[in-house]
Amino acid sequence: FVDLYRRNRTSPIVELTSNSDAVAEDPLQRAAAEGNEEDRLH
């Protein structure tokens, strides 16, 4: 991970996509959204 992070950080290619999809893909947040229990969600 560190090797790839360093390589990407110094790469001249800039990724144009936002990281907003990462929130929707978060397993914890997805599980919270699927649950009906308000306390669990909070």
Full PDB file with SEQRES, HELIX, SHEET, SSBOND, CRYST1, ORIGX, SCALE, CONECT and MASTER records, all heavy atoms in Angstrom:
SEQRES   1 A   42  PHE VAL ASP LEU TYR ARG ARG ASN ARG THR SER PRO ILE          
SEQRES   2 A   42  VAL GLU LEU THR SER ASN SER ASP ALA VAL ALA GLU ASP          
SEQRES   3 A   42  PRO LEU GLN ARG ALA ALA ALA GLU GLY ASN GLU GLU ASP          
SEQRES   4 A   42  ARG LEU HIS                                                  
HELIX    1 AA1 VAL A    2  THR A   10  1                                   9    
HELIX    2 AA2 SER A   20  GLU A   25  1                                   6    
HELIX    3 AA3 PRO A   27  GLU A   34  1                                   8    
HELIX    4 AA4 GLU A   38  LEU A   41  1                                   4    
CRYST1    1.000    1.000    1.000  90.00  90.00  90.00 P 1           1          
ORIGX1      1.000000  0.000000  0.000000        0.00000                         
ORIGX2      0.000000  1.000000  0.000000        0.00000                         
ORIGX3      0.000000  0.000000  1.000000        0.00000                         
SCALE1      1.000000  0.000000  0.000000        0.00000                         
SCALE2      0.000000  1.000000  0.000000        0.00000                         
SCALE3      0.000000  0.000000  1.000000        0.00000                         
ATOM      1  N   PHE A   1       0.836  -1.199   0.000  1.00  0.00           N  
ATOM      2  CA  PHE A   1       0.000   0.000   0.000  1.00  0.00           C  
ATOM      3  C   PHE A   1       0.870   1.247   0.000  1.00  0.00           C  
ATOM      4  O   PHE A   1       0.635   2.182  -0.769  1.00  0.00           O  
ATOM      5  CB  PHE A   1      -0.943   0.010   1.217  1.00  0.00           C  
ATOM      6  CG  PHE A   1      -1.564   1.349   1.471  1.00  0.00           C  
ATOM      7  CD1 PHE A   1      -2.553   1.847   0.641  1.00  0.00           C  
ATOM      8  CD2 PHE A   1      -1.146   2.132   2.542  1.00  0.00           C  
ATOM      9  CE1 PHE A   1      -3.124   3.096   0.873  1.00  0.00           C  
ATOM     10  CE2 PHE A   1      -1.706   3.374   2.780  1.00  0.00           C  
ATOM     11  CZ  PHE A   1      -2.691   3.857   1.934  1.00  0.00           C  
ATOM     12  N   VAL A   2       1.875   1.283   0.853  1.00  0.00           N  
ATOM     13  CA  VAL A   2       2.772   2.441   0.936  1.00  0.00           C  
ATOM     14  C   VAL A   2       3.493   2.637  -0.389  1.00  0.00           C  
ATOM     15  O   VAL A   2       3.599   3.763  -0.886  1.00  0.00           O  
ATOM     16  CB  VAL A   2       3.766   2.291   2.107  1.00  0.00           C  
ATOM     17  CG1 VAL A   2       4.851   3.351   2.052  1.00  0.00           C  
ATOM     18  CG2 VAL A   2       3.017   2.351   3.437  1.00  0.00           C  
ATOM     19  N   ASP A   3       3.979   1.550  -0.982  1.00  0.00           N  
ATOM     20  CA  ASP A   3       4.658   1.654  -2.278  1.00  0.00           C  
ATOM     21  C   ASP A   3       3.741   2.257  -3.339  1.00  0.00           C  
ATOM     22  O   ASP A   3       4.141   3.143  -4.094  1.00  0.00           O  
ATOM     23  CB  ASP A   3       5.143   0.282  -2.752  1.00  0.00           C  
ATOM     24  CG  ASP A   3       6.290  -0.264  -1.933  1.00  0.00           C  
ATOM     25  OD1 ASP A   3       6.920   0.515  -1.177  1.00  0.00           O  
ATOM     26  OD2 ASP A   3       6.550  -1.482  -2.026  1.00  0.00           O  
ATOM     27  N   LEU A   4       2.518   1.742  -3.409  1.00  0.00           N  
ATOM     28  CA  LEU A   4       1.573   2.249  -4.414  1.00  0.00           C  
ATOM     29  C   LEU A   4       1.163   3.687  -4.124  1.00  0.00           C  
ATOM     30  O   LEU A   4       0.998   4.486  -5.048  1.00  0.00           O  
ATOM     31  CB  LEU A   4       0.344   1.344  -4.476  1.00  0.00           C  
ATOM     32  CG  LEU A   4       0.597  -0.056  -5.024  1.00  0.00           C  
ATOM     33  CD1 LEU A   4      -0.644  -0.923  -4.878  1.00  0.00           C  
ATOM     34  CD2 LEU A   4       1.062  -0.008  -6.465  1.00  0.00           C  
ATOM     35  N   TYR A   5       1.005   4.021  -2.852  1.00  0.00           N  
ATOM     36  CA  TYR A   5       0.651   5.392  -2.470  1.00  0.00           C  
ATOM     37  C   TYR A   5       1.748   6.364  -2.905  1.00  0.00           C  
ATOM     38  O   TYR A   5       1.464   7.409  -3.478  1.00  0.00           O  
ATOM     39  CB  TYR A   5       0.426   5.479  -0.964  1.00  0.00           C  
ATOM     40  CG  TYR A   5       0.190   6.885  -0.481  1.00  0.00           C  
ATOM     41  CD1 TYR A   5      -1.045   7.495  -0.648  1.00  0.00           C  
ATOM     42  CD2 TYR A   5       1.209   7.613   0.128  1.00  0.00           C  
ATOM     43  CE1 TYR A   5      -1.266   8.791  -0.212  1.00  0.00           C  
ATOM     44  CE2 TYR A   5       0.995   8.911   0.564  1.00  0.00           C  
ATOM     45  CZ  TYR A   5      -0.232   9.494   0.390  1.00  0.00           C  
ATOM     46  OH  TYR A   5      -0.450  10.777   0.815  1.00  0.00           O  
ATOM     47  N   ARG A   6       2.974   5.993  -2.636  1.00  0.00           N  
ATOM     48  CA  ARG A   6       4.096   6.863  -3.030  1.00  0.00           C  
ATOM     49  C   ARG A   6       4.171   7.011  -4.541  1.00  0.00           C  
ATOM     50  O   ARG A   6       4.414   8.093  -5.051  1.00  0.00           O  
ATOM     51  CB  ARG A   6       5.412   6.305  -2.494  1.00  0.00           C  
ATOM     52  CG  ARG A   6       5.566   6.487  -1.009  1.00  0.00           C  
ATOM     53  CD  ARG A   6       6.854   5.899  -0.511  1.00  0.00           C  
ATOM     54  NE  ARG A   6       6.956   6.040   0.936  1.00  0.00           N  
ATOM     55  CZ  ARG A   6       7.666   5.259   1.703  1.00  0.00           C  
ATOM     56  NH1 ARG A   6       8.373   4.265   1.192  1.00  0.00           N  
ATOM     57  NH2 ARG A   6       7.695   5.442   3.002  1.00  0.00           N  
ATOM     58  N   ARG A   7       3.955   5.915  -5.247  1.00  0.00           N  
ATOM     59  CA  ARG A   7       4.004   5.968  -6.712  1.00  0.00           C  
ATOM     60  C   ARG A   7       2.890   6.857  -7.248  1.00  0.00           C  
ATOM     61  O   ARG A   7       3.111   7.686  -8.128  1.00  0.00           O  
ATOM     62  CB  ARG A   7       3.873   4.572  -7.308  1.00  0.00           C  
ATOM     63  CG  ARG A   7       3.943   4.603  -8.827  1.00  0.00           C  
ATOM     64  CD  ARG A   7       3.745   3.266  -9.480  1.00  0.00           C  
ATOM     65  NE  ARG A   7       4.617   2.257  -8.918  1.00  0.00           N  
ATOM     66  CZ  ARG A   7       4.322   0.962  -8.896  1.00  0.00           C  
ATOM     67  NH1 ARG A   7       3.188   0.538  -9.392  1.00  0.00           N  
ATOM     68  NH2 ARG A   7       5.153   0.091  -8.390  1.00  0.00           N  
ATOM     69  N   ASN A   8       1.681   6.701  -6.715  1.00  0.00           N  
ATOM     70  CA  ASN A   8       0.550   7.510  -7.187  1.00  0.00           C  
ATOM     71  C   ASN A   8       0.709   8.978  -6.828  1.00  0.00           C  
ATOM     72  O   ASN A   8       0.277   9.852  -7.571  1.00  0.00           O  
ATOM     73  CB  ASN A   8      -0.761   6.976  -6.610  1.00  0.00           C  
ATOM     74  CG  ASN A   8      -1.139   5.643  -7.206  1.00  0.00           C  
ATOM     75  OD1 ASN A   8      -0.669   5.268  -8.272  1.00  0.00           O  
ATOM     76  ND2 ASN A   8      -1.975   4.907  -6.501  1.00  0.00           N  
ATOM     77  N   ARG A   9       1.310   9.243  -5.677  1.00  0.00           N  
ATOM     78  CA  ARG A   9       1.491  10.628  -5.232  1.00  0.00           C  
ATOM     79  C   ARG A   9       2.452  11.375  -6.145  1.00  0.00           C  
ATOM     80  O   ARG A   9       2.291  12.560  -6.382  1.00  0.00           O  
ATOM     81  CB  ARG A   9       2.009  10.634  -3.797  1.00  0.00           C  
ATOM     82  CG  ARG A   9       2.001  11.999  -3.168  1.00  0.00           C  
ATOM     83  CD  ARG A   9       2.489  11.962  -1.767  1.00  0.00           C  
ATOM     84  NE  ARG A   9       3.879  11.485  -1.794  1.00  0.00           N  
ATOM     85  CZ  ARG A   9       4.592  11.213  -0.733  1.00  0.00           C  
ATOM     86  NH1 ARG A   9       4.084  11.331   0.445  1.00  0.00           N  
ATOM     87  NH2 ARG A   9       5.835  10.792  -0.838  1.00  0.00           N  
ATOM     88  N   THR A  10       3.434  10.684  -6.678  1.00  0.00           N  
ATOM     89  CA  THR A  10       4.412  11.333  -7.549  1.00  0.00           C  
ATOM     90  C   THR A  10       4.077  11.190  -9.032  1.00  0.00           C  
ATOM     91  O   THR A  10       4.797  11.697  -9.868  1.00  0.00           O  
ATOM     92  CB  THR A  10       5.828  10.761  -7.301  1.00  0.00           C  
ATOM     93  OG1 THR A  10       5.819   9.362  -7.571  1.00  0.00           O  
ATOM     94  CG2 THR A  10       6.267  11.022  -5.872  1.00  0.00           C  
ATOM     95  N   SER A  11       2.985  10.523  -9.323  1.00  0.00           N  
ATOM     96  CA  SER A  11       2.582  10.319 -10.703  1.00  0.00           C  
ATOM     97  C   SER A  11       2.062  11.617 -11.306  1.00  0.00           C  
ATOM     98  O   SER A  11       1.337  12.367 -10.655  1.00  0.00           O  
ATOM     99  CB  SER A  11       1.494   9.247 -10.772  1.00  0.00           C  
ATOM    100  OG  SER A  11       0.979   9.165 -12.081  1.00  0.00           O  
ATOM    101  N   PRO A  12       2.381  11.888 -12.582  1.00  0.00           N  
ATOM    102  CA  PRO A  12       1.857  13.097 -13.226  1.00  0.00           C  
ATOM    103  C   PRO A  12       0.392  12.953 -13.623  1.00  0.00           C  
ATOM    104  O   PRO A  12      -0.253  13.922 -13.984  1.00  0.00           O  
ATOM    105  CB  PRO A  12       2.740  13.234 -14.464  1.00  0.00           C  
ATOM    106  CG  PRO A  12       3.198  11.847 -14.760  1.00  0.00           C  
ATOM    107  CD  PRO A  12       3.316  11.171 -13.429  1.00  0.00           C  
ATOM    108  N   ILE A  13      -0.143  11.743 -13.523  1.00  0.00           N  
ATOM    109  CA  ILE A  13      -1.533  11.514 -13.889  1.00  0.00           C  
ATOM    110  C   ILE A  13      -2.411  11.832 -12.681  1.00  0.00           C  
ATOM    111  O   ILE A  13      -2.217  11.308 -11.598  1.00  0.00           O  
ATOM    112  CB  ILE A  13      -1.756  10.054 -14.320  1.00  0.00           C  
ATOM    113  CG1 ILE A  13      -0.892   9.739 -15.540  1.00  0.00           C  
ATOM    114  CG2 ILE A  13      -3.229   9.800 -14.599  1.00  0.00           C  
ATOM    115  CD1 ILE A  13      -0.898   8.293 -15.931  1.00  0.00           C  
ATOM    116  N   VAL A  14      -3.379  12.704 -12.879  1.00  0.00           N  
ATOM    117  CA  VAL A  14      -4.289  13.090 -11.804  1.00  0.00           C  
ATOM    118  C   VAL A  14      -5.635  12.434 -12.067  1.00  0.00           C  
ATOM    119  O   VAL A  14      -6.203  12.581 -13.145  1.00  0.00           O  
ATOM    120  CB  VAL A  14      -4.464  14.626 -11.747  1.00  0.00           C  
ATOM    121  CG1 VAL A  14      -5.465  15.007 -10.675  1.00  0.00           C  
ATOM    122  CG2 VAL A  14      -3.130  15.294 -11.531  1.00  0.00           C  
ATOM    123  N   GLU A  15      -6.124  11.713 -11.076  1.00  0.00           N  
ATOM    124  CA  GLU A  15      -7.416  11.067 -11.228  1.00  0.00           C  
ATOM    125  C   GLU A  15      -8.516  12.103 -11.095  1.00  0.00           C  
ATOM    126  O   GLU A  15      -8.529  12.902 -10.169  1.00  0.00           O  
ATOM    127  CB  GLU A  15      -7.580   9.990 -10.154  1.00  0.00           C  
ATOM    128  CG  GLU A  15      -8.755   9.097 -10.415  1.00  0.00           C  
ATOM    129  CD  GLU A  15      -8.757   7.900  -9.488  1.00  0.00           C  
ATOM    130  OE1 GLU A  15      -7.691   7.354  -9.221  1.00  0.00           O  
ATOM    131  OE2 GLU A  15      -9.857   7.542  -9.055  1.00  0.00           O  
ATOM    132  N   LEU A  16      -9.450  12.088 -12.048  1.00  0.00           N  
ATOM    133  CA  LEU A  16     -10.490  13.102 -12.092  1.00  0.00           C  
ATOM    134  C   LEU A  16     -11.740  12.708 -11.327  1.00  0.00           C  
ATOM    135  O   LEU A  16     -12.634  13.523 -11.155  1.00  0.00           O  
ATOM    136  CB  LEU A  16     -10.857  13.402 -13.549  1.00  0.00           C  
ATOM    137  CG  LEU A  16      -9.718  13.985 -14.390  1.00  0.00           C  
ATOM    138  CD1 LEU A  16     -10.163  14.155 -15.826  1.00  0.00           C  
ATOM    139  CD2 LEU A  16      -9.249  15.308 -13.812  1.00  0.00           C  
ATOM    140  N   THR A  17     -11.832  11.463 -10.878  1.00  0.00           N  
ATOM    141  CA  THR A  17     -13.032  11.052 -10.153  1.00  0.00           C  
ATOM    142  C   THR A  17     -12.935  11.485  -8.717  1.00  0.00           C  
ATOM    143  O   THR A  17     -11.862  11.575  -8.146  1.00  0.00           O  
ATOM    144  CB  THR A  17     -13.196   9.523 -10.217  1.00  0.00           C  
ATOM    145  OG1 THR A  17     -12.060   8.922  -9.602  1.00  0.00           O  
ATOM    146  CG2 THR A  17     -13.359   9.037 -11.627  1.00  0.00           C  
ATOM    147  N   SER A  18     -14.088  11.756  -8.137  1.00  0.00           N  
ATOM    148  CA  SER A  18     -14.109  12.158  -6.732  1.00  0.00           C  
ATOM    149  C   SER A  18     -14.136  10.926  -5.854  1.00  0.00           C  
ATOM    150  O   SER A  18     -14.413   9.829  -6.316  1.00  0.00           O  
ATOM    151  CB  SER A  18     -15.324  13.026  -6.448  1.00  0.00           C  
ATOM    152  OG  SER A  18     -16.487  12.231  -6.461  1.00  0.00           O  
ATOM    153  N   ASN A  19     -13.894  11.116  -4.585  1.00  0.00           N  
ATOM    154  CA  ASN A  19     -13.907  10.023  -3.624  1.00  0.00           C  
ATOM    155  C   ASN A  19     -15.276   9.898  -2.962  1.00  0.00           C  
ATOM    156  O   ASN A  19     -15.425   9.240  -1.961  1.00  0.00           O  
ATOM    157  CB  ASN A  19     -12.809  10.240  -2.569  1.00  0.00           C  
ATOM    158  CG  ASN A  19     -12.462   8.969  -1.837  1.00  0.00           C  
ATOM    159  OD1 ASN A  19     -12.768   7.879  -2.301  1.00  0.00           O  
ATOM    160  ND2 ASN A  19     -11.834   9.108  -0.696  1.00  0.00           N  
ATOM    161  N   SER A  20     -16.310  10.515  -3.534  1.00  0.00           N  
ATOM    162  CA  SER A  20     -17.633  10.483  -2.927  1.00  0.00           C  
ATOM    163  C   SER A  20     -18.236   9.092  -2.954  1.00  0.00           C  
ATOM    164  O   SER A  20     -19.073   8.761  -2.131  1.00  0.00           O  
ATOM    165  CB  SER A  20     -18.568  11.470  -3.626  1.00  0.00           C  
ATOM    166  OG  SER A  20     -18.704  11.121  -4.981  1.00  0.00           O  
ATOM    167  N   ASP A  21     -17.834   8.254  -3.915  1.00  0.00           N  
ATOM    168  CA  ASP A  21     -18.345   6.887  -3.976  1.00  0.00           C  
ATOM    169  C   ASP A  21     -17.857   6.056  -2.805  1.00  0.00           C  
ATOM    170  O   ASP A  21     -18.482   5.069  -2.441  1.00  0.00           O  
ATOM    171  CB  ASP A  21     -17.920   6.208  -5.281  1.00  0.00           C  
ATOM    172  CG  ASP A  21     -18.594   6.832  -6.488  1.00  0.00           C  
ATOM    173  OD1 ASP A  21     -19.656   7.469  -6.309  1.00  0.00           O  
ATOM    174  OD2 ASP A  21     -18.060   6.687  -7.599  1.00  0.00           O  
ATOM    175  N   ALA A  22     -16.734   6.425  -2.208  1.00  0.00           N  
ATOM    176  CA  ALA A  22     -16.167   5.644  -1.104  1.00  0.00           C  
ATOM    177  C   ALA A  22     -17.114   5.610   0.080  1.00  0.00           C  
ATOM    178  O   ALA A  22     -17.199   4.610   0.775  1.00  0.00           O  
ATOM    179  CB  ALA A  22     -14.819   6.215  -0.685  1.00  0.00           C  
ATOM    180  N   VAL A  23     -17.863   6.691   0.314  1.00  0.00           N  
ATOM    181  CA  VAL A  23     -18.798   6.709   1.435  1.00  0.00           C  
ATOM    182  C   VAL A  23     -19.916   5.707   1.191  1.00  0.00           C  
ATOM    183  O   VAL A  23     -20.307   4.963   2.080  1.00  0.00           O  
ATOM    184  CB  VAL A  23     -19.365   8.125   1.653  1.00  0.00           C  
ATOM    185  CG1 VAL A  23     -20.450   8.120   2.704  1.00  0.00           C  
ATOM    186  CG2 VAL A  23     -18.242   9.074   2.038  1.00  0.00           C  
ATOM    187  N   ALA A  24     -20.423   5.669  -0.037  1.00  0.00           N  
ATOM    188  CA  ALA A  24     -21.505   4.743  -0.352  1.00  0.00           C  
ATOM    189  C   ALA A  24     -21.034   3.297  -0.296  1.00  0.00           C  
ATOM    190  O   ALA A  24     -21.821   2.396  -0.052  1.00  0.00           O  
ATOM    191  CB  ALA A  24     -22.062   5.054  -1.737  1.00  0.00           C  
ATOM    192  N   GLU A  25     -19.732   3.049  -0.525  1.00  0.00           N  
ATOM    193  CA  GLU A  25     -19.205   1.704  -0.515  1.00  0.00           C  
ATOM    194  C   GLU A  25     -18.765   1.257   0.881  1.00  0.00           C  
ATOM    195  O   GLU A  25     -18.402   0.126   1.074  1.00  0.00           O  
ATOM    196  CB  GLU A  25     -18.000   1.607  -1.457  1.00  0.00           C  
ATOM    197  CG  GLU A  25     -18.361   1.844  -2.901  1.00  0.00           C  
ATOM    198  CD  GLU A  25     -17.137   1.967  -3.785  1.00  0.00           C  
ATOM    199  OE1 GLU A  25     -16.023   1.956  -3.251  1.00  0.00           O  
ATOM    200  OE2 GLU A  25     -17.303   2.067  -4.993  1.00  0.00           O  
ATOM    201  N   ASP A  26     -18.784   2.139   1.851  1.00  0.00           N  
ATOM    202  CA  ASP A  26     -18.348   1.822   3.200  1.00  0.00           C  
ATOM    203  C   ASP A  26     -19.262   0.747   3.781  1.00  0.00           C  
ATOM    204  O   ASP A  26     -20.450   0.977   3.954  1.00  0.00           O  
ATOM    205  CB  ASP A  26     -18.382   3.082   4.066  1.00  0.00           C  
ATOM    206  CG  ASP A  26     -17.860   2.838   5.468  1.00  0.00           C  
ATOM    207  OD1 ASP A  26     -17.579   1.689   5.845  1.00  0.00           O  
ATOM    208  OD2 ASP A  26     -17.744   3.831   6.202  1.00  0.00           O  
ATOM    209  N   PRO A  27     -18.724  -0.442   4.102  1.00  0.00           N  
ATOM    210  CA  PRO A  27     -19.562  -1.523   4.612  1.00  0.00           C  
ATOM    211  C   PRO A  27     -20.298  -1.142   5.894  1.00  0.00           C  
ATOM    212  O   PRO A  27     -21.437  -1.530   6.099  1.00  0.00           O  
ATOM    213  CB  PRO A  27     -18.569  -2.656   4.869  1.00  0.00           C  
ATOM    214  CG  PRO A  27     -17.374  -2.338   4.063  1.00  0.00           C  
ATOM    215  CD  PRO A  27     -17.339  -0.848   3.928  1.00  0.00           C  
ATOM    216  N   LEU A  28     -19.654  -0.369   6.766  1.00  0.00           N  
ATOM    217  CA  LEU A  28     -20.293   0.037   8.007  1.00  0.00           C  
ATOM    218  C   LEU A  28     -21.486   0.940   7.730  1.00  0.00           C  
ATOM    219  O   LEU A  28     -22.567   0.746   8.274  1.00  0.00           O  
ATOM    220  CB  LEU A  28     -19.280   0.753   8.909  1.00  0.00           C  
ATOM    221  CG  LEU A  28     -19.783   1.204  10.273  1.00  0.00           C  
ATOM    222  CD1 LEU A  28     -20.244   0.006  11.085  1.00  0.00           C  
ATOM    223  CD2 LEU A  28     -18.697   1.956  11.000  1.00  0.00           C  
ATOM    224  N   GLN A  29     -21.309   1.923   6.855  1.00  0.00           N  
ATOM    225  CA  GLN A  29     -22.405   2.827   6.533  1.00  0.00           C  
ATOM    226  C   GLN A  29     -23.500   2.109   5.747  1.00  0.00           C  
ATOM    227  O   GLN A  29     -24.680   2.375   5.926  1.00  0.00           O  
ATOM    228  CB  GLN A  29     -21.892   4.035   5.761  1.00  0.00           C  
ATOM    229  CG  GLN A  29     -21.096   4.966   6.641  1.00  0.00           C  
ATOM    230  CD  GLN A  29     -20.717   6.247   5.941  1.00  0.00           C  
ATOM    231  OE1 GLN A  29     -21.055   6.465   4.787  1.00  0.00           O  
ATOM    232  NE2 GLN A  29     -20.009   7.100   6.643  1.00  0.00           N  
ATOM    233  N   ARG A  30     -23.110   1.183   4.872  1.00  0.00           N  
ATOM    234  CA  ARG A  30     -24.105   0.433   4.107  1.00  0.00           C  
ATOM    235  C   ARG A  30     -24.947  -0.425   5.055  1.00  0.00           C  
ATOM    236  O   ARG A  30     -26.167  -0.477   4.956  1.00  0.00           O  
ATOM    237  CB  ARG A  30     -23.421  -0.434   3.052  1.00  0.00           C  
ATOM    238  CG  ARG A  30     -24.406  -1.093   2.113  1.00  0.00           C  
ATOM    239  CD  ARG A  30     -23.750  -1.819   0.946  1.00  0.00           C  
ATOM    240  NE  ARG A  30     -22.749  -2.756   1.372  1.00  0.00           N  
ATOM    241  CZ  ARG A  30     -21.444  -2.646   1.106  1.00  0.00           C  
ATOM    242  NH1 ARG A  30     -21.001  -1.623   0.423  1.00  0.00           N  
ATOM    243  NH2 ARG A  30     -20.586  -3.552   1.517  1.00  0.00           N  
ATOM    244  N   ALA A  31     -24.292  -1.081   6.032  1.00  0.00           N  
ATOM    245  CA  ALA A  31     -25.015  -1.894   7.006  1.00  0.00           C  
ATOM    246  C   ALA A  31     -25.947  -1.030   7.837  1.00  0.00           C  
ATOM    247  O   ALA A  31     -27.073  -1.426   8.147  1.00  0.00           O  
ATOM    248  CB  ALA A  31     -24.035  -2.629   7.909  1.00  0.00           C  
ATOM    249  N   ALA A  32     -25.495   0.159   8.195  1.00  0.00           N  
ATOM    250  CA  ALA A  32     -26.333   1.073   8.976  1.00  0.00           C  
ATOM    251  C   ALA A  32     -27.546   1.507   8.167  1.00  0.00           C  
ATOM    252  O   ALA A  32     -28.645   1.611   8.701  1.00  0.00           O  
ATOM    253  CB  ALA A  32     -25.521   2.284   9.414  1.00  0.00           C  
ATOM    254  N   ALA A  33     -27.338   1.765   6.879  1.00  0.00           N  
ATOM    255  CA  ALA A  33     -28.442   2.219   6.035  1.00  0.00           C  
ATOM    256  C   ALA A  33     -29.473   1.111   5.822  1.00  0.00           C  
ATOM    257  O   ALA A  33     -30.663   1.387   5.702  1.00  0.00           O  
ATOM    258  CB  ALA A  33     -27.897   2.694   4.686  1.00  0.00           C  
ATOM    259  N   GLU A  34     -29.025  -0.141   5.798  1.00  0.00           N  
ATOM    260  CA  GLU A  34     -29.939  -1.255   5.573  1.00  0.00           C  
ATOM    261  C   GLU A  34     -30.726  -1.604   6.836  1.00  0.00           C  
ATOM    262  O   GLU A  34     -31.794  -2.173   6.761  1.00  0.00           O  
ATOM    263  CB  GLU A  34     -29.163  -2.473   5.082  1.00  0.00           C  
ATOM    264  CG  GLU A  34     -28.589  -2.277   3.697  1.00  0.00           C  
ATOM    265  CD  GLU A  34     -27.639  -3.392   3.298  1.00  0.00           C  
ATOM    266  OE1 GLU A  34     -27.388  -4.297   4.117  1.00  0.00           O  
ATOM    267  OE2 GLU A  34     -27.135  -3.353   2.163  1.00  0.00           O  
ATOM    268  N   GLY A  35     -30.193  -1.279   7.989  1.00  0.00           N  
ATOM    269  CA  GLY A  35     -30.871  -1.597   9.248  1.00  0.00           C  
ATOM    270  C   GLY A  35     -32.031  -0.662   9.498  1.00  0.00           C  
ATOM    271  O   GLY A  35     -32.060   0.473   9.052  1.00  0.00           O  
ATOM    272  N   ASN A  36     -33.021  -1.145  10.226  1.00  0.00           N  
ATOM    273  CA  ASN A  36     -34.185  -0.333  10.539  1.00  0.00           C  
ATOM    274  C   ASN A  36     -34.124   0.236  11.944  1.00  0.00           C  
ATOM    275  O   ASN A  36     -34.995   1.000  12.328  1.00  0.00           O  
ATOM    276  CB  ASN A  36     -35.462  -1.160  10.374  1.00  0.00           C  
ATOM    277  CG  ASN A  36     -35.699  -1.536   8.934  1.00  0.00           C  
ATOM    278  OD1 ASN A  36     -35.307  -0.790   8.040  1.00  0.00           O  
ATOM    279  ND2 ASN A  36     -36.309  -2.677   8.705  1.00  0.00           N  
ATOM    280  N   GLU A  37     -33.151  -0.131  12.698  1.00  0.00           N  
ATOM    281  CA  GLU A  37     -33.061   0.297  14.080  1.00  0.00           C  
ATOM    282  C   GLU A  37     -32.366   1.651  14.156  1.00  0.00           C  
ATOM    283  O   GLU A  37     -31.204   1.781  13.820  1.00  0.00           O  
ATOM    284  CB  GLU A  37     -32.308  -0.746  14.893  1.00  0.00           C  
ATOM    285  CG  GLU A  37     -32.931  -2.118  14.811  1.00  0.00           C  
ATOM    286  CD  GLU A  37     -31.999  -3.189  15.325  1.00  0.00           C  
ATOM    287  OE1 GLU A  37     -30.984  -2.847  15.950  1.00  0.00           O  
ATOM    288  OE2 GLU A  37     -32.294  -4.357  15.075  1.00  0.00           O  
ATOM    289  N   GLU A  38     -33.093   2.637  14.633  1.00  0.00           N  
ATOM    290  CA  GLU A  38     -32.575   4.001  14.682  1.00  0.00           C  
ATOM    291  C   GLU A  38     -31.362   4.128  15.602  1.00  0.00           C  
ATOM    292  O   GLU A  38     -30.384   4.806  15.264  1.00  0.00           O  
ATOM    293  CB  GLU A  38     -33.675   4.958  15.135  1.00  0.00           C  
ATOM    294  CG  GLU A  38     -33.319   6.404  14.968  1.00  0.00           C  
ATOM    295  CD  GLU A  38     -34.485   7.306  15.274  1.00  0.00           C  
ATOM    296  OE1 GLU A  38     -35.626   6.951  14.932  1.00  0.00           O  
ATOM    297  OE2 GLU A  38     -34.237   8.373  15.848  1.00  0.00           O  
ATOM    298  N   ASP A  39     -31.392   3.451  16.725  1.00  0.00           N  
ATOM    299  CA  ASP A  39     -30.266   3.513  17.660  1.00  0.00           C  
ATOM    300  C   ASP A  39     -29.001   2.940  17.037  1.00  0.00           C  
ATOM    301  O   ASP A  39     -27.912   3.498  17.195  1.00  0.00           O  
ATOM    302  CB  ASP A  39     -30.582   2.752  18.950  1.00  0.00           C  
ATOM    303  CG  ASP A  39     -31.654   3.434  19.773  1.00  0.00           C  
ATOM    304  OD1 ASP A  39     -31.869   4.654  19.560  1.00  0.00           O  
ATOM    305  OD2 ASP A  39     -32.268   2.760  20.611  1.00  0.00           O  
ATOM    306  N   ARG A  40     -29.154   1.843  16.338  1.00  0.00           N  
ATOM    307  CA  ARG A  40     -28.009   1.209  15.688  1.00  0.00           C  
ATOM    308  C   ARG A  40     -27.412   2.129  14.626  1.00  0.00           C  
ATOM    309  O   ARG A  40     -26.201   2.266  14.505  1.00  0.00           O  
ATOM    310  CB  ARG A  40     -28.437  -0.117  15.077  1.00  0.00           C  
ATOM    311  CG  ARG A  40     -27.294  -0.920  14.524  1.00  0.00           C  
ATOM    312  CD  ARG A  40     -27.771  -2.300  14.131  1.00  0.00           C  
ATOM    313  NE  ARG A  40     -27.024  -2.692  12.960  1.00  0.00           N  
ATOM    314  CZ  ARG A  40     -27.470  -3.473  12.024  1.00  0.00           C  
ATOM    315  NH1 ARG A  40     -28.678  -3.983  12.108  1.00  0.00           N  
ATOM    316  NH2 ARG A  40     -26.726  -3.775  10.999  1.00  0.00           N  
ATOM    317  N   LEU A  41     -28.274   2.777  13.909  1.00  0.00           N  
ATOM    318  CA  LEU A  41     -27.830   3.710  12.880  1.00  0.00           C  
ATOM    319  C   LEU A  41     -27.023   4.853  13.491  1.00  0.00           C  
ATOM    320  O   LEU A  41     -25.947   5.193  13.008  1.00  0.00           O  
ATOM    321  CB  LEU A  41     -29.028   4.266  12.116  1.00  0.00           C  
ATOM    322  CG  LEU A  41     -28.742   5.347  11.084  1.00  0.00           C  
ATOM    323  CD1 LEU A  41     -27.854   4.811   9.984  1.00  0.00           C  
ATOM    324  CD2 LEU A  41     -30.035   5.877  10.516  1.00  0.00           C  
ATOM    325  N   HIS A  42     -27.543   5.431  14.562  1.00  0.00           N  
ATOM    326  CA  HIS A  42     -26.827   6.531  15.219  1.00  0.00           C  
ATOM    327  C   HIS A  42     -25.483   6.073  15.766  1.00  0.00           C  
ATOM    328  O   HIS A  42     -24.483   6.792  15.655  1.00  0.00           O  
ATOM    329  CB  HIS A  42     -27.681   7.139  16.340  1.00  0.00           C  
ATOM    330  CG  HIS A  42     -28.848   7.912  15.847  1.00  0.00           C  
ATOM    331  ND1 HIS A  42     -28.726   9.022  15.035  1.00  0.00           N  
ATOM    332  CD2 HIS A  42     -30.175   7.736  16.024  1.00  0.00           C  
ATOM    333  CE1 HIS A  42     -29.922   9.493  14.737  1.00  0.00           C  
ATOM    334  NE2 HIS A  42     -30.821   8.728  15.322  1.00  0.00           N  
TER     335      HIS A  42                                                      
MASTER        0    0    0    4    0    0    0    6  334    1    0    4          
END                                                                             
